[in-house]
Amino acid sequence: MQTRHGSLLDELPAYHPGARMLDAYRVVQVSSPDGTPAPPEIAERFQGRAWTLRQLEERGVRITGAAAWYLALGSDWQLEIEPF
């Protein structure tokens, strides 16, 4: 779909379900909904490499229109992702 400013995909946040599933992203931060950093055993699962949105979903990350979420240690953790 084209908009006045270009492709609709170009206007979506990286974690939006309409984003390109095969583009590379990196996880910048993993934190609780109140902003508390995740423990190292959670954060280290995503650090140091590029991920596609599909790979993140295959590892249990829920990609929503508002955020990316990962359930571990009985808590939801929000992943901040950006293009790699």
N, C-alpha and C. Protein backbone atom coordinates (compact mmCIF):
# COMPACT_ATOMS: atom_id res chain seq x y z
N MET A 1 0.83 -1.17 0.00
CA MET A 1 0.00 0.00 0.00
C MET A 1 0.88 1.24 0.00
N GLN A 2 0.61 2.14 -0.86
CA GLN A 2 1.37 3.39 -0.93
C GLN A 2 0.62 4.49 -0.18
N THR A 3 1.36 5.33 0.49
CA THR A 3 0.79 6.50 1.13
C THR A 3 1.37 7.71 0.44
N ARG A 4 0.96 8.86 0.87
CA ARG A 4 1.46 10.09 0.27
C ARG A 4 2.96 10.23 0.44
N HIS A 5 3.52 9.63 1.50
CA HIS A 5 4.95 9.78 1.80
C HIS A 5 5.77 8.57 1.42
N GLY A 6 5.17 7.55 0.83
CA GLY A 6 5.93 6.37 0.44
C GLY A 6 5.23 5.11 0.91
N SER A 7 5.99 4.06 1.06
CA SER A 7 5.45 2.77 1.47
C SER A 7 4.96 2.81 2.90
N LEU A 8 3.86 2.12 3.17
CA LEU A 8 3.34 2.02 4.52
C LEU A 8 4.36 1.37 5.44
N LEU A 9 5.10 0.37 4.94
CA LEU A 9 6.11 -0.29 5.77
C LEU A 9 7.18 0.67 6.25
N ASP A 10 7.48 1.70 5.48
CA ASP A 10 8.50 2.65 5.88
C ASP A 10 8.06 3.50 7.06
N GLU A 11 6.76 3.56 7.32
CA GLU A 11 6.24 4.41 8.38
C GLU A 11 5.97 3.65 9.67
N LEU A 12 6.10 2.32 9.67
CA LEU A 12 5.78 1.52 10.83
C LEU A 12 6.99 1.39 11.74
N PRO A 13 6.76 1.30 13.08
CA PRO A 13 7.87 1.01 14.00
C PRO A 13 8.46 -0.37 13.70
N ALA A 14 9.68 -0.59 14.11
CA ALA A 14 10.38 -1.85 13.81
C ALA A 14 9.64 -3.08 14.33
N TYR A 15 8.96 -2.96 15.45
CA TYR A 15 8.32 -4.12 16.06
C TYR A 15 6.88 -4.30 15.62
N HIS A 16 6.39 -3.50 14.72
CA HIS A 16 5.01 -3.61 14.26
C HIS A 16 4.84 -4.89 13.45
N PRO A 17 3.70 -5.57 13.59
CA PRO A 17 3.50 -6.82 12.84
C PRO A 17 3.65 -6.67 11.33
N GLY A 18 3.47 -5.48 10.78
CA GLY A 18 3.63 -5.27 9.35
C GLY A 18 5.06 -5.03 8.92
N ALA A 19 5.97 -4.95 9.87
CA ALA A 19 7.38 -4.75 9.53
C ALA A 19 7.88 -5.99 8.78
N ARG A 20 8.95 -5.83 8.07
CA ARG A 20 9.50 -6.93 7.29
C ARG A 20 10.08 -8.00 8.21
N MET A 21 9.54 -9.21 8.10
CA MET A 21 9.92 -10.30 9.01
C MET A 21 11.35 -10.79 8.80
N LEU A 22 11.97 -10.51 7.66
CA LEU A 22 13.30 -11.03 7.40
C LEU A 22 14.40 -9.98 7.53
N ASP A 23 14.04 -8.74 7.83
CA ASP A 23 15.05 -7.71 8.07
C ASP A 23 15.73 -7.97 9.41
N ALA A 24 16.97 -7.55 9.55
CA ALA A 24 17.74 -7.78 10.78
C ALA A 24 17.48 -6.66 11.79
N TYR A 25 17.34 -7.07 13.05
CA TYR A 25 17.13 -6.15 14.17
C TYR A 25 18.07 -6.55 15.29
N ARG A 26 18.29 -5.61 16.19
CA ARG A 26 19.05 -5.95 17.40
C ARG A 26 18.23 -5.52 18.60
N VAL A 27 18.41 -6.24 19.69
CA VAL A 27 17.73 -5.91 20.94
C VAL A 27 18.62 -4.92 21.68
N VAL A 28 18.11 -3.73 21.89
CA VAL A 28 18.87 -2.66 22.53
C VAL A 28 18.78 -2.77 24.05
N GLN A 29 17.59 -3.13 24.54
CA GLN A 29 17.38 -3.18 25.98
C GLN A 29 16.26 -4.17 26.29
N VAL A 30 16.40 -4.84 27.44
CA VAL A 30 15.34 -5.70 27.95
C VAL A 30 15.03 -5.19 29.35
N SER A 31 13.76 -4.85 29.59
CA SER A 31 13.38 -4.30 30.89
C SER A 31 11.96 -4.69 31.25
N SER A 32 11.62 -4.49 32.52
CA SER A 32 10.25 -4.73 32.98
C SER A 32 9.38 -3.58 32.48
N PRO A 33 8.06 -3.73 32.56
CA PRO A 33 7.18 -2.64 32.11
C PRO A 33 7.42 -1.31 32.84
N ASP A 34 7.95 -1.38 34.07
CA ASP A 34 8.23 -0.13 34.80
C ASP A 34 9.63 0.42 34.54
N GLY A 35 10.39 -0.24 33.64
CA GLY A 35 11.70 0.26 33.24
C GLY A 35 12.89 -0.35 33.96
N THR A 36 12.64 -1.25 34.91
CA THR A 36 13.73 -1.91 35.62
C THR A 36 14.46 -2.86 34.67
N PRO A 37 15.79 -2.76 34.56
CA PRO A 37 16.52 -3.65 33.66
C PRO A 37 16.31 -5.12 34.01
N ALA A 38 16.26 -5.96 33.00
CA ALA A 38 16.11 -7.40 33.21
C ALA A 38 17.39 -7.97 33.81
N PRO A 39 17.27 -9.06 34.55
CA PRO A 39 18.48 -9.71 35.07
C PRO A 39 19.35 -10.18 33.91
N PRO A 40 20.66 -10.30 34.15
CA PRO A 40 21.58 -10.69 33.08
C PRO A 40 21.19 -11.99 32.37
N GLU A 41 20.67 -12.97 33.09
CA GLU A 41 20.32 -14.24 32.45
C GLU A 41 19.19 -14.10 31.42
N ILE A 42 18.40 -13.04 31.53
CA ILE A 42 17.37 -12.76 30.53
C ILE A 42 17.95 -11.89 29.41
N ALA A 43 18.59 -10.79 29.77
CA ALA A 43 19.12 -9.86 28.77
C ALA A 43 20.15 -10.51 27.85
N GLU A 44 21.00 -11.38 28.40
CA GLU A 44 22.07 -12.01 27.62
C GLU A 44 21.54 -12.95 26.54
N ARG A 45 20.30 -13.39 26.66
CA ARG A 45 19.73 -14.28 25.64
C ARG A 45 19.60 -13.59 24.29
N PHE A 46 19.55 -12.26 24.31
CA PHE A 46 19.28 -11.51 23.08
C PHE A 46 20.43 -10.60 22.65
N GLN A 47 21.48 -10.49 23.44
CA GLN A 47 22.56 -9.57 23.14
C GLN A 47 23.56 -10.16 22.15
N GLY A 48 24.21 -9.25 21.39
CA GLY A 48 25.37 -9.63 20.61
C GLY A 48 25.12 -10.21 19.23
N ARG A 49 23.90 -10.14 18.74
CA ARG A 49 23.67 -10.68 17.40
C ARG A 49 22.45 -10.03 16.77
N ALA A 50 22.34 -10.22 15.47
CA ALA A 50 21.18 -9.73 14.73
C ALA A 50 20.09 -10.79 14.75
N TRP A 51 18.86 -10.34 14.79
CA TRP A 51 17.70 -11.22 14.79
C TRP A 51 16.72 -10.75 13.74
N THR A 52 15.99 -11.67 13.14
CA THR A 52 14.83 -11.28 12.36
C THR A 52 13.64 -11.32 13.32
N LEU A 53 12.56 -10.65 12.96
CA LEU A 53 11.36 -10.69 13.81
C LEU A 53 10.86 -12.13 13.92
N ARG A 54 10.98 -12.88 12.87
CA ARG A 54 10.57 -14.29 12.89
C ARG A 54 11.40 -15.09 13.90
N GLN A 55 12.73 -14.88 13.92
CA GLN A 55 13.59 -15.59 14.87
C GLN A 55 13.22 -15.23 16.31
N LEU A 56 12.93 -13.97 16.54
CA LEU A 56 12.51 -13.57 17.89
C LEU A 56 11.22 -14.28 18.28
N GLU A 57 10.26 -14.31 17.37
CA GLU A 57 8.99 -14.98 17.65
C GLU A 57 9.20 -16.48 17.89
N GLU A 58 10.12 -17.10 17.15
CA GLU A 58 10.41 -18.52 17.34
C GLU A 58 11.01 -18.80 18.71
N ARG A 59 11.59 -17.79 19.33
CA ARG A 59 12.18 -17.93 20.67
C ARG A 59 11.23 -17.46 21.76
N GLY A 60 9.98 -17.24 21.40
CA GLY A 60 8.97 -16.92 22.41
C GLY A 60 8.68 -15.45 22.60
N VAL A 61 9.27 -14.57 21.80
CA VAL A 61 8.99 -13.14 21.90
C VAL A 61 7.67 -12.86 21.19
N ARG A 62 6.78 -12.13 21.86
CA ARG A 62 5.51 -11.73 21.25
C ARG A 62 5.69 -10.35 20.65
N ILE A 63 5.56 -10.24 19.35
CA ILE A 63 5.69 -8.96 18.65
C ILE A 63 4.27 -8.40 18.51
N THR A 64 4.02 -7.24 19.11
CA THR A 64 2.70 -6.62 19.04
C THR A 64 2.83 -5.26 18.37
N GLY A 65 1.72 -4.60 18.16
CA GLY A 65 1.75 -3.27 17.56
C GLY A 65 2.35 -2.24 18.49
N ALA A 66 2.39 -2.52 19.77
CA ALA A 66 2.89 -1.54 20.74
C ALA A 66 4.28 -1.87 21.27
N ALA A 67 4.68 -3.14 21.26
CA ALA A 67 5.96 -3.51 21.88
C ALA A 67 6.31 -4.95 21.51
N ALA A 68 7.47 -5.38 21.99
CA ALA A 68 7.90 -6.78 21.89
C ALA A 68 8.06 -7.29 23.32
N TRP A 69 7.46 -8.44 23.62
CA TRP A 69 7.42 -8.96 24.98
C TRP A 69 7.97 -10.38 25.05
N TYR A 70 8.64 -10.68 26.18
CA TYR A 70 9.20 -12.01 26.42
C TYR A 70 8.85 -12.42 27.83
N LEU A 71 8.26 -13.59 28.01
CA LEU A 71 7.89 -14.11 29.32
C LEU A 71 9.00 -15.02 29.82
N ALA A 72 9.58 -14.67 30.97
CA ALA A 72 10.61 -15.50 31.59
C ALA A 72 10.66 -15.20 33.08
N LEU A 73 11.02 -16.19 33.86
CA LEU A 73 11.11 -16.07 35.32
C LEU A 73 9.81 -15.53 35.92
N GLY A 74 8.68 -15.91 35.31
CA GLY A 74 7.38 -15.51 35.83
C GLY A 74 7.02 -14.06 35.60
N SER A 75 7.76 -13.35 34.75
CA SER A 75 7.49 -11.95 34.48
C SER A 75 7.52 -11.68 32.98
N ASP A 76 6.82 -10.62 32.59
CA ASP A 76 6.90 -10.14 31.21
C ASP A 76 8.04 -9.14 31.12
N TRP A 77 8.86 -9.26 30.07
CA TRP A 77 9.98 -8.36 29.84
C TRP A 77 9.78 -7.70 28.49
N GLN A 78 9.93 -6.39 28.46
CA GLN A 78 9.77 -5.65 27.20
C GLN A 78 11.12 -5.54 26.51
N LEU A 79 11.15 -5.88 25.22
CA LEU A 79 12.37 -5.77 24.43
C LEU A 79 12.29 -4.52 23.57
N GLU A 80 13.31 -3.69 23.66
CA GLU A 80 13.42 -2.54 22.78
C GLU A 80 14.28 -2.99 21.61
N ILE A 81 13.72 -2.98 20.40
CA ILE A 81 14.46 -3.42 19.22
C ILE A 81 14.60 -2.29 18.23
N GLU A 82 15.67 -2.36 17.44
CA GLU A 82 15.89 -1.36 16.39
C GLU A 82 16.55 -2.05 15.21
N PRO A 83 16.42 -1.47 14.02
CA PRO A 83 17.08 -2.07 12.85
C PRO A 83 18.58 -2.21 13.08
N PHE A 84 19.13 -3.32 12.61
CA PHE A 84 20.56 -3.62 12.80
C PHE A 84 21.41 -2.88 11.80
